[in-house]
Amino acid sequence: MAADDPLRNEPLVSVEFEVFGKVQGVYFPKYVKDICQELGICGWVKNTKSGTILGKMQGPRALVDQMTQWLTNVGSPGSKIDRCEFSNWEGISRLQYKGFAIRF
């Protein structure tokens, strides 16, 4: 982050998420990855065998909060989100991932 970046003093957080609904077969992981990369959030996302989307994201709290809203209310085109559960919120001193990946 640049010295004049307003997020440079924003605390880093880590959170796991699981999205329920019609979220497979609609490129949901690709959209999550693209938006997280655009925002500068690190982590991973994957489809589960039970038909949900599972992932973990890390970054400045304000950006992670923005992404939680997208995961809860927006989603990829064609998706229908029933709910999104967030767990293991924690403050972190440094990012544990480089970039954002789709896992298989």
Protein backbone atom coordinates (compact mmCIF):
# COMPACT_ATOMS: atom_id res chain seq x y z
CA MET A 1 0.00 0.00 0.00
CA ALA A 2 1.21 3.45 -0.83
CA ALA A 3 2.04 5.92 1.94
CA ASP A 4 -1.00 8.02 1.01
CA ASP A 5 -3.33 5.00 0.93
CA PRO A 6 -6.21 5.62 3.36
CA LEU A 7 -6.33 1.87 4.16
CA ARG A 8 -2.73 1.67 5.34
CA ASN A 9 -3.83 2.05 8.98
CA GLU A 10 -6.88 -0.18 8.59
CA PRO A 11 -6.56 -3.36 10.69
CA LEU A 12 -6.09 -6.63 8.81
CA VAL A 13 -8.69 -9.32 9.34
CA SER A 14 -9.23 -12.92 8.32
CA VAL A 15 -12.62 -14.61 7.92
CA GLU A 16 -13.97 -17.88 6.56
CA PHE A 17 -17.24 -17.97 4.61
CA GLU A 18 -19.76 -20.42 3.21
CA VAL A 19 -22.43 -19.36 0.72
CA PHE A 20 -25.68 -21.33 0.41
CA GLY A 21 -28.25 -21.28 -2.39
CA LYS A 22 -27.99 -21.59 -6.16
CA VAL A 23 -24.29 -20.80 -6.22
CA GLN A 24 -22.78 -23.60 -8.28
CA GLY A 25 -22.84 -23.65 -12.08
CA VAL A 26 -22.96 -19.83 -12.17
CA TYR A 27 -19.20 -19.07 -12.08
CA PHE A 28 -19.44 -17.93 -8.45
CA PRO A 29 -15.79 -18.79 -7.56
CA LYS A 30 -14.52 -16.92 -10.63
CA TYR A 31 -16.45 -13.79 -9.65
CA VAL A 32 -15.26 -14.05 -6.04
CA LYS A 33 -11.66 -14.34 -7.22
CA ASP A 34 -11.94 -11.46 -9.70
CA ILE A 35 -13.56 -9.08 -7.20
CA CYS A 36 -11.17 -10.01 -4.39
CA GLN A 37 -8.19 -9.45 -6.68
CA GLU A 38 -9.61 -6.09 -7.73
CA LEU A 39 -10.06 -5.10 -4.08
CA GLY A 40 -6.66 -6.45 -2.99
CA ILE A 41 -8.08 -9.20 -0.76
CA CYS A 42 -6.08 -12.44 -0.41
CA GLY A 43 -7.35 -15.97 0.17
CA TRP A 44 -9.13 -18.78 -1.62
CA VAL A 45 -12.56 -20.05 -2.73
CA LYS A 46 -13.92 -23.43 -3.85
CA ASN A 47 -17.08 -25.39 -4.66
CA THR A 48 -18.06 -28.03 -2.10
CA LYS A 49 -19.59 -31.44 -2.73
CA SER A 50 -22.66 -30.32 -0.77
CA GLY A 51 -23.43 -27.55 -3.31
CA THR A 52 -22.10 -24.55 -1.39
CA ILE A 53 -19.19 -22.18 -1.92
CA LEU A 54 -16.49 -22.20 0.76
CA GLY A 55 -13.60 -19.79 1.19
CA LYS A 56 -11.33 -17.68 3.31
CA MET A 57 -10.37 -14.06 2.79
CA GLN A 58 -7.86 -11.71 4.38
CA GLY A 59 -7.26 -8.02 3.99
CA PRO A 60 -8.02 -4.57 5.40
CA ARG A 61 -11.25 -4.67 7.44
CA ALA A 62 -13.06 -2.12 5.24
CA LEU A 63 -12.40 -4.16 2.07
CA VAL A 64 -13.31 -7.48 3.69
CA ASP A 65 -16.54 -5.88 4.96
CA GLN A 66 -17.27 -4.74 1.39
CA MET A 67 -16.75 -8.29 0.12
CA THR A 68 -18.97 -9.78 2.85
CA GLN A 69 -21.79 -7.58 1.56
CA TRP A 70 -21.22 -8.85 -1.99
CA LEU A 71 -21.19 -12.48 -0.79
CA THR A 72 -24.40 -11.95 1.20
CA ASN A 73 -26.44 -9.75 -1.15
CA VAL A 74 -25.10 -9.74 -4.72
CA GLY A 75 -23.28 -12.84 -5.97
CA SER A 76 -22.51 -13.78 -9.54
CA PRO A 77 -25.03 -13.30 -12.36
CA GLY A 78 -27.53 -16.16 -12.25
CA SER A 79 -26.85 -17.01 -8.61
CA LYS A 80 -29.49 -16.95 -5.88
CA ILE A 81 -27.98 -16.57 -2.43
CA ASP A 82 -30.06 -18.02 0.39
CA ARG A 83 -27.55 -17.08 3.07
CA CYS A 84 -23.85 -16.60 3.73
CA GLU A 85 -22.27 -17.69 7.00
CA PHE A 86 -19.07 -16.11 8.29
CA SER A 87 -16.87 -17.73 10.93
CA ASN A 88 -13.50 -17.44 12.61
CA TRP A 89 -13.24 -13.65 12.33
CA GLU A 90 -9.83 -12.65 13.65
CA GLY A 91 -7.43 -9.76 13.54
CA ILE A 92 -4.10 -10.65 11.94
CA SER A 93 -0.75 -8.91 11.85
CA ARG A 94 0.10 -9.94 8.29
CA LEU A 95 -1.53 -11.64 5.32
CA GLN A 96 -1.05 -15.41 5.15
CA TYR A 97 -1.79 -15.71 1.42
CA LYS A 98 -0.36 -14.14 -1.70
CA GLY A 99 -3.16 -13.28 -4.07
CA PHE A 100 -6.50 -15.04 -4.37
CA ALA A 101 -6.93 -18.60 -5.70
CA ILE A 102 -9.69 -20.94 -6.78
CA ARG A 103 -9.16 -24.32 -5.13
CA PHE A 104 -10.41 -27.63 -6.47
